[in-house]
Amino acid sequence: MAIERLFNEVRKLPLTERYKLRTMLGLEEVSKEDIEASKKMAGGWSDIDADKLIEDIYREREDSSRRAEVNFLISSFFS
């Protein structure tokens, strides 16, 4: 559904941009600057390989948790 796609795109925006969008939507009138800012944001992530980004995130999570476990075990062993 179109509205779900729109919500998903909004969720991808950084918090500051979401705040700006929320402010713009609350106004009676949208300025030309607001329209231009929205156009600049559109497609800002188009050059990102989403699958690789997801893989990198999960790999970092795994590496971080392993280090935490090892550090915990080592500190427990030596205390």
PDB file of N, CA and C in Angstrom:
ATOM      1  N   MET A   1       0.845  -1.177   0.000  1.00  0.00           N
ATOM      2  CA  MET A   1       0.000   0.000   0.000  1.00  0.00           C
ATOM      3  C   MET A   1       0.894   1.246   0.000  1.00  0.00           C
ATOM      4  N   ALA A   2       0.461   2.277  -0.660  1.00  0.00           N
ATOM      5  CA  ALA A   2       1.279   3.482  -0.831  1.00  0.00           C
ATOM      6  C   ALA A   2       1.614   4.155   0.491  1.00  0.00           C
ATOM      7  N   ILE A   3       0.673   4.208   1.405  1.00  0.00           N
ATOM      8  CA  ILE A   3       0.917   4.890   2.686  1.00  0.00           C
ATOM      9  C   ILE A   3       1.980   4.155   3.498  1.00  0.00           C
ATOM     10  N   GLU A   4       1.992   2.826   3.432  1.00  0.00           N
ATOM     11  CA  GLU A   4       3.010   2.049   4.147  1.00  0.00           C
ATOM     12  C   GLU A   4       4.390   2.323   3.564  1.00  0.00           C
ATOM     13  N   ARG A   5       4.473   2.412   2.248  1.00  0.00           N
ATOM     14  CA  ARG A   5       5.757   2.727   1.611  1.00  0.00           C
ATOM     15  C   ARG A   5       6.232   4.109   2.034  1.00  0.00           C
ATOM     16  N   LEU A   6       5.300   5.042   2.118  1.00  0.00           N
ATOM     17  CA  LEU A   6       5.646   6.394   2.553  1.00  0.00           C
ATOM     18  C   LEU A   6       6.173   6.383   3.986  1.00  0.00           C
ATOM     19  N   PHE A   7       5.478   5.677   4.878  1.00  0.00           N
ATOM     20  CA  PHE A   7       5.931   5.578   6.272  1.00  0.00           C
ATOM     21  C   PHE A   7       7.311   4.933   6.356  1.00  0.00           C
ATOM     22  N   ASN A   8       7.545   3.910   5.563  1.00  0.00           N
ATOM     23  CA  ASN A   8       8.855   3.250   5.570  1.00  0.00           C
ATOM     24  C   ASN A   8       9.956   4.203   5.122  1.00  0.00           C
ATOM     25  N   GLU A   9       9.680   5.024   4.126  1.00  0.00           N
ATOM     26  CA  GLU A   9      10.668   6.004   3.673  1.00  0.00           C
ATOM     27  C   GLU A   9      10.931   7.049   4.750  1.00  0.00           C
ATOM     28  N   VAL A  10       9.888   7.479   5.440  1.00  0.00           N
ATOM     29  CA  VAL A  10      10.053   8.466   6.511  1.00  0.00           C
ATOM     30  C   VAL A  10      10.884   7.872   7.642  1.00  0.00           C
ATOM     31  N   ARG A  11      10.678   6.602   7.957  1.00  0.00           N
ATOM     32  CA  ARG A  11      11.446   5.944   9.024  1.00  0.00           C
ATOM     33  C   ARG A  11      12.940   5.907   8.708  1.00  0.00           C
ATOM     34  N   LYS A  12      13.295   5.925   7.443  1.00  0.00           N
ATOM     35  CA  LYS A  12      14.704   5.882   7.043  1.00  0.00           C
ATOM     36  C   LYS A  12      15.408   7.221   7.254  1.00  0.00           C
ATOM     37  N   LEU A  13      14.640   8.289   7.396  1.00  0.00           N
ATOM     38  CA  LEU A  13      15.236   9.616   7.560  1.00  0.00           C
ATOM     39  C   LEU A  13      15.922   9.740   8.912  1.00  0.00           C
ATOM     40  N   PRO A  14      16.996  10.508   8.979  1.00  0.00           N
ATOM     41  CA  PRO A  14      17.607  10.805  10.280  1.00  0.00           C
ATOM     42  C   PRO A  14      16.601  11.561  11.152  1.00  0.00           C
ATOM     43  N   LEU A  15      16.780  11.476  12.456  1.00  0.00           N
ATOM     44  CA  LEU A  15      15.833  12.108  13.375  1.00  0.00           C
ATOM     45  C   LEU A  15      15.662  13.598  13.113  1.00  0.00           C
ATOM     46  N   THR A  16      16.744  14.278  12.783  1.00  0.00           N
ATOM     47  CA  THR A  16      16.625  15.723  12.528  1.00  0.00           C
ATOM     48  C   THR A  16      15.753  15.999  11.315  1.00  0.00           C
ATOM     49  N   GLU A  17      15.881  15.179  10.289  1.00  0.00           N
ATOM     50  CA  GLU A  17      15.067  15.373   9.088  1.00  0.00           C
ATOM     51  C   GLU A  17      13.607  15.016   9.367  1.00  0.00           C
ATOM     52  N   ARG A  18      13.378  13.998  10.201  1.00  0.00           N
ATOM     53  CA  ARG A  18      11.997  13.662  10.579  1.00  0.00           C
ATOM     54  C   ARG A  18      11.355  14.819  11.322  1.00  0.00           C
ATOM     55  N   TYR A  19      12.134  15.451  12.189  1.00  0.00           N
ATOM     56  CA  TYR A  19      11.618  16.593  12.939  1.00  0.00           C
ATOM     57  C   TYR A  19      11.251  17.730  11.988  1.00  0.00           C
ATOM     58  N   LYS A  20      12.134  17.999  11.018  1.00  0.00           N
ATOM     59  CA  LYS A  20      11.847  19.047  10.033  1.00  0.00           C
ATOM     60  C   LYS A  20      10.573  18.721   9.257  1.00  0.00           C
ATOM     61  N   LEU A  21      10.435  17.469   8.854  1.00  0.00           N
ATOM     62  CA  LEU A  21       9.251  17.049   8.109  1.00  0.00           C
ATOM     63  C   LEU A  21       7.994  17.221   8.951  1.00  0.00           C
ATOM     64  N   ARG A  22       8.076  16.814  10.210  1.00  0.00           N
ATOM     65  CA  ARG A  22       6.932  16.949  11.108  1.00  0.00           C
ATOM     66  C   ARG A  22       6.553  18.421  11.262  1.00  0.00           C
ATOM     67  N   THR A  23       7.554  19.276  11.373  1.00  0.00           N
ATOM     68  CA  THR A  23       7.310  20.715  11.487  1.00  0.00           C
ATOM     69  C   THR A  23       6.657  21.250  10.218  1.00  0.00           C
ATOM     70  N   MET A  24       7.189  20.839   9.062  1.00  0.00           N
ATOM     71  CA  MET A  24       6.626  21.292   7.792  1.00  0.00           C
ATOM     72  C   MET A  24       5.173  20.860   7.641  1.00  0.00           C
ATOM     73  N   LEU A  25       4.879  19.625   8.020  1.00  0.00           N
ATOM     74  CA  LEU A  25       3.517  19.115   7.872  1.00  0.00           C
ATOM     75  C   LEU A  25       2.539  19.815   8.807  1.00  0.00           C
ATOM     76  N   GLY A  26       3.053  20.338   9.906  1.00  0.00           N
ATOM     77  CA  GLY A  26       2.198  21.038  10.859  1.00  0.00           C
ATOM     78  C   GLY A  26       1.890  22.468  10.452  1.00  0.00           C
ATOM     79  N   LEU A  27       2.583  22.976   9.447  1.00  0.00           N
ATOM     80  CA  LEU A  27       2.377  24.353   9.001  1.00  0.00           C
ATOM     81  C   LEU A  27       1.202  24.443   8.037  1.00  0.00           C
ATOM     82  N   GLU A  28       0.587  25.597   8.009  1.00  0.00           N
ATOM     83  CA  GLU A  28      -0.498  25.845   7.061  1.00  0.00           C
ATOM     84  C   GLU A  28       0.046  25.900   5.633  1.00  0.00           C
ATOM     85  N   GLU A  29       1.231  26.467   5.494  1.00  0.00           N
ATOM     86  CA  GLU A  29       1.791  26.717   4.178  1.00  0.00           C
ATOM     87  C   GLU A  29       3.213  26.154   4.128  1.00  0.00           C
ATOM     88  N   VAL A  30       3.562  25.542   3.021  1.00  0.00           N
ATOM     89  CA  VAL A  30       4.906  25.008   2.843  1.00  0.00           C
ATOM     90  C   VAL A  30       5.673  25.968   1.937  1.00  0.00           C
ATOM     91  N   SER A  31       6.860  26.364   2.388  1.00  0.00           N
ATOM     92  CA  SER A  31       7.651  27.330   1.617  1.00  0.00           C
ATOM     93  C   SER A  31       8.414  26.639   0.488  1.00  0.00           C
ATOM     94  N   LYS A  32       8.922  27.443  -0.429  1.00  0.00           N
ATOM     95  CA  LYS A  32       9.742  26.911  -1.524  1.00  0.00           C
ATOM     96  C   LYS A  32      11.012  26.267  -0.974  1.00  0.00           C
ATOM     97  N   GLU A  33      11.556  26.848   0.107  1.00  0.00           N
ATOM     98  CA  GLU A  33      12.760  26.275   0.726  1.00  0.00           C
ATOM     99  C   GLU A  33      12.471  24.881   1.273  1.00  0.00           C
ATOM    100  N   ASP A  34      11.291  24.707   1.859  1.00  0.00           N
ATOM    101  CA  ASP A  34      10.904  23.396   2.383  1.00  0.00           C
ATOM    102  C   ASP A  34      10.799  22.373   1.253  1.00  0.00           C
ATOM    103  N   ILE A  35      10.217  22.785   0.149  1.00  0.00           N
ATOM    104  CA  ILE A  35      10.073  21.884  -0.995  1.00  0.00           C
ATOM    105  C   ILE A  35      11.449  21.502  -1.535  1.00  0.00           C
ATOM    106  N   GLU A  36      12.339  22.465  -1.656  1.00  0.00           N
ATOM    107  CA  GLU A  36      13.690  22.181  -2.148  1.00  0.00           C
ATOM    108  C   GLU A  36      14.445  21.263  -1.189  1.00  0.00           C
ATOM    109  N   ALA A  37      14.293  21.491   0.111  1.00  0.00           N
ATOM    110  CA  ALA A  37      14.952  20.625   1.104  1.00  0.00           C
ATOM    111  C   ALA A  37      14.431  19.204   0.987  1.00  0.00           C
ATOM    112  N   SER A  38      13.135  19.048   0.775  1.00  0.00           N
ATOM    113  CA  SER A  38      12.546  17.714   0.625  1.00  0.00           C
ATOM    114  C   SER A  38      13.082  17.024  -0.620  1.00  0.00           C
ATOM    115  N   LYS A  39      13.214  17.778  -1.701  1.00  0.00           N
ATOM    116  CA  LYS A  39      13.745  17.197  -2.939  1.00  0.00           C
ATOM    117  C   LYS A  39      15.193  16.753  -2.764  1.00  0.00           C
ATOM    118  N   LYS A  40      15.971  17.527  -2.014  1.00  0.00           N
ATOM    119  CA  LYS A  40      17.370  17.166  -1.781  1.00  0.00           C
ATOM    120  C   LYS A  40      17.484  15.887  -0.957  1.00  0.00           C
ATOM    121  N   MET A  41      16.548  15.696  -0.017  1.00  0.00           N
ATOM    122  CA  MET A  41      16.587  14.500   0.825  1.00  0.00           C
ATOM    123  C   MET A  41      16.182  13.256   0.047  1.00  0.00           C
ATOM    124  N   ALA A  42      15.307  13.417  -0.925  1.00  0.00           N
ATOM    125  CA  ALA A  42      14.807  12.273  -1.686  1.00  0.00           C
ATOM    126  C   ALA A  42      15.962  11.591  -2.409  1.00  0.00           C
ATOM    127  N   GLY A  43      16.084  10.303  -2.219  1.00  0.00           N
ATOM    128  CA  GLY A  43      17.133   9.546  -2.885  1.00  0.00           C
ATOM    129  C   GLY A  43      18.502   9.692  -2.263  1.00  0.00           C
ATOM    130  N   GLY A  44      18.576  10.263  -1.088  1.00  0.00           N
ATOM    131  CA  GLY A  44      19.861  10.469  -0.435  1.00  0.00           C
ATOM    132  C   GLY A  44      20.594   9.175  -0.126  1.00  0.00           C
ATOM    133  N   TRP A  45      19.866   8.085  -0.019  1.00  0.00           N
ATOM    134  CA  TRP A  45      20.472   6.792   0.280  1.00  0.00           C
ATOM    135  C   TRP A  45      20.509   5.902  -0.958  1.00  0.00           C
ATOM    136  N   SER A  46      20.244   6.460  -2.116  1.00  0.00           N
ATOM    137  CA  SER A  46      20.119   5.643  -3.320  1.00  0.00           C
ATOM    138  C   SER A  46      21.418   4.937  -3.703  1.00  0.00           C
ATOM    139  N   ASP A  47      22.558   5.470  -3.297  1.00  0.00           N
ATOM    140  CA  ASP A  47      23.826   4.842  -3.660  1.00  0.00           C
ATOM    141  C   ASP A  47      24.298   3.818  -2.629  1.00  0.00           C
ATOM    142  N   ILE A  48      23.500   3.571  -1.605  1.00  0.00           N
ATOM    143  CA  ILE A  48      23.849   2.603  -0.563  1.00  0.00           C
ATOM    144  C   ILE A  48      23.378   1.213  -0.980  1.00  0.00           C
ATOM    145  N   ASP A  49      24.245   0.230  -0.845  1.00  0.00           N
ATOM    146  CA  ASP A  49      23.870  -1.159  -1.087  1.00  0.00           C
ATOM    147  C   ASP A  49      23.247  -1.680   0.206  1.00  0.00           C
ATOM    148  N   ALA A  50      21.924  -1.771   0.219  1.00  0.00           N
ATOM    149  CA  ALA A  50      21.191  -2.121   1.440  1.00  0.00           C
ATOM    150  C   ALA A  50      21.590  -3.497   1.972  1.00  0.00           C
ATOM    151  N   ASP A  51      21.738  -4.473   1.080  1.00  0.00           N
ATOM    152  CA  ASP A  51      22.098  -5.819   1.527  1.00  0.00           C
ATOM    153  C   ASP A  51      23.469  -5.835   2.197  1.00  0.00           C
ATOM    154  N   LYS A  52      24.425  -5.119   1.615  1.00  0.00           N
ATOM    155  CA  LYS A  52      25.763  -5.064   2.207  1.00  0.00           C
ATOM    156  C   LYS A  52      25.729  -4.331   3.543  1.00  0.00           C
ATOM    157  N   LEU A  53      24.956  -3.260   3.623  1.00  0.00           N
ATOM    158  CA  LEU A  53      24.825  -2.522   4.876  1.00  0.00           C
ATOM    159  C   LEU A  53      24.282  -3.427   5.979  1.00  0.00           C
ATOM    160  N   ILE A  54      23.250  -4.196   5.663  1.00  0.00           N
ATOM    161  CA  ILE A  54      22.664  -5.115   6.646  1.00  0.00           C
ATOM    162  C   ILE A  54      23.683  -6.167   7.062  1.00  0.00           C
ATOM    163  N   GLU A  55      24.403  -6.738   6.095  1.00  0.00           N
ATOM    164  CA  GLU A  55      25.444  -7.725   6.417  1.00  0.00           C
ATOM    165  C   GLU A  55      26.490  -7.125   7.344  1.00  0.00           C
ATOM    166  N   ASP A  56      26.934  -5.911   7.028  1.00  0.00           N
ATOM    167  CA  ASP A  56      27.947  -5.242   7.853  1.00  0.00           C
ATOM    168  C   ASP A  56      27.451  -5.017   9.274  1.00  0.00           C
ATOM    169  N   ILE A  57      26.205  -4.607   9.404  1.00  0.00           N
ATOM    170  CA  ILE A  57      25.634  -4.362  10.739  1.00  0.00           C
ATOM    171  C   ILE A  57      25.614  -5.645  11.549  1.00  0.00           C
ATOM    172  N   TYR A  58      25.125  -6.736  10.951  1.00  0.00           N
ATOM    173  CA  TYR A  58      25.065  -7.999  11.687  1.00  0.00           C
ATOM    174  C   TYR A  58      26.459  -8.524  12.012  1.00  0.00           C
ATOM    175  N   ARG A  59      27.405  -8.356  11.086  1.00  0.00           N
ATOM    176  CA  ARG A  59      28.771  -8.807  11.345  1.00  0.00           C
ATOM    177  C   ARG A  59      29.368  -8.037  12.516  1.00  0.00           C
ATOM    178  N   GLU A  60      29.160  -6.723  12.539  1.00  0.00           N
ATOM    179  CA  GLU A  60      29.668  -5.903  13.647  1.00  0.00           C
ATOM    180  C   GLU A  60      29.027  -6.306  14.971  1.00  0.00           C
ATOM    181  N   ARG A  61      27.743  -6.594  14.943  1.00  0.00           N
ATOM    182  CA  ARG A  61      27.064  -7.028  16.176  1.00  0.00           C
ATOM    183  C   ARG A  61      27.675  -8.318  16.695  1.00  0.00           C
ATOM    184  N   GLU A  62      27.899  -9.274  15.780  1.00  0.00           N
ATOM    185  CA  GLU A  62      28.487 -10.546  16.192  1.00  0.00           C
ATOM    186  C   GLU A  62      29.882 -10.341  16.753  1.00  0.00           C
ATOM    187  N   ASP A  63      30.692  -9.557  16.070  1.00  0.00           N
ATOM    188  CA  ASP A  63      32.057  -9.299  16.534  1.00  0.00           C
ATOM    189  C   ASP A  63      32.047  -8.609  17.891  1.00  0.00           C
ATOM    190  N   SER A  64      31.173  -7.648  18.077  1.00  0.00           N
ATOM    191  CA  SER A  64      31.106  -6.909  19.341  1.00  0.00           C
ATOM    192  C   SER A  64      30.693  -7.815  20.488  1.00  0.00           C
ATOM    193  N   SER A  65      29.706  -8.691  20.252  1.00  0.00           N
ATOM    194  CA  SER A  65      29.245  -9.557  21.339  1.00  0.00           C
ATOM    195  C   SER A  65      30.303 -10.590  21.695  1.00  0.00           C
ATOM    196  N   ARG A  66      31.034 -11.077  20.703  1.00  0.00           N
ATOM    197  CA  ARG A  66      32.103 -12.033  21.001  1.00  0.00           C
ATOM    198  C   ARG A  66      33.186 -11.381  21.848  1.00  0.00           C
ATOM    199  N   ARG A  67      33.559 -10.164  21.494  1.00  0.00           N
ATOM    200  CA  ARG A  67      34.580  -9.466  22.279  1.00  0.00           C
ATOM    201  C   ARG A  67      34.105  -9.259  23.706  1.00  0.00           C
ATOM    202  N   ALA A  68      32.842  -8.921  23.881  1.00  0.00           N
ATOM    203  CA  ALA A  68      32.313  -8.690  25.222  1.00  0.00           C
ATOM    204  C   ALA A  68      32.360  -9.979  26.032  1.00  0.00           C
ATOM    205  N   GLU A  69      32.000 -11.110  25.404  1.00  0.00           N
ATOM    206  CA  GLU A  69      32.037 -12.391  26.107  1.00  0.00           C
ATOM    207  C   GLU A  69      33.463 -12.743  26.506  1.00  0.00           C
ATOM    208  N   VAL A  70      34.388 -12.582  25.594  1.00  0.00           N
ATOM    209  CA  VAL A  70      35.784 -12.910  25.875  1.00  0.00           C
ATOM    210  C   VAL A  70      36.312 -12.015  26.984  1.00  0.00           C
ATOM    211  N   ASN A  71      36.045 -10.719  26.904  1.00  0.00           N
ATOM    212  CA  ASN A  71      36.504  -9.803  27.942  1.00  0.00           C
ATOM    213  C   ASN A  71      35.907 -10.171  29.294  1.00  0.00           C
ATOM    214  N   PHE A  72      34.634 -10.552  29.312  1.00  0.00           N
ATOM    215  CA  PHE A  72      33.985 -10.936  30.561  1.00  0.00           C
ATOM    216  C   PHE A  72      34.632 -12.201  31.122  1.00  0.00           C
ATOM    217  N   LEU A  73      34.858 -13.192  30.263  1.00  0.00           N
ATOM    218  CA  LEU A  73      35.455 -14.446  30.723  1.00  0.00           C
ATOM    219  C   LEU A  73      36.872 -14.223  31.241  1.00  0.00           C
ATOM    220  N   ILE A  74      37.634 -13.419  30.538  1.00  0.00           N
ATOM    221  CA  ILE A  74      39.010 -13.151  30.962  1.00  0.00           C
ATOM    222  C   ILE A  74      39.014 -12.417  32.299  1.00  0.00           C
ATOM    223  N   SER A  75      38.178 -11.390  32.429  1.00  0.00           N
ATOM    224  CA  SER A  75      38.163 -10.637  33.686  1.00  0.00           C
ATOM    225  C   SER A  75      37.645 -11.501  34.831  1.00  0.00           C
ATOM    226  N   SER A  76      36.709 -12.405  34.561  1.00  0.00           N
ATOM    227  CA  SER A  76      36.204 -13.299  35.608  1.00  0.00           C
ATOM    228  C   SER A  76      37.281 -14.288  36.038  1.00  0.00           C
ATOM    229  N   PHE A  77      38.051 -14.765  35.074  1.00  0.00           N
ATOM    230  CA  PHE A  77      39.081 -15.743  35.348  1.00  0.00           C
ATOM    231  C   PHE A  77      40.188 -15.152  36.214  1.00  0.00           C
ATOM    232  N   PHE A  78      40.555 -13.901  35.952  1.00  0.00           N
ATOM    233  CA  PHE A  78      41.668 -13.291  36.661  1.00  0.00           C
ATOM    234  C   PHE A  78      41.261 -12.560  37.933  1.00  0.00           C
ATOM    235  N   SER A  79      39.985 -12.505  38.255  1.00  0.00           N
ATOM    236  CA  SER A  79      39.620 -11.784  39.481  1.00  0.00           C
ATOM    237  C   SER A  79      39.496 -12.709  40.659  1.00  0.00           C
TER     238      SER A  79
END
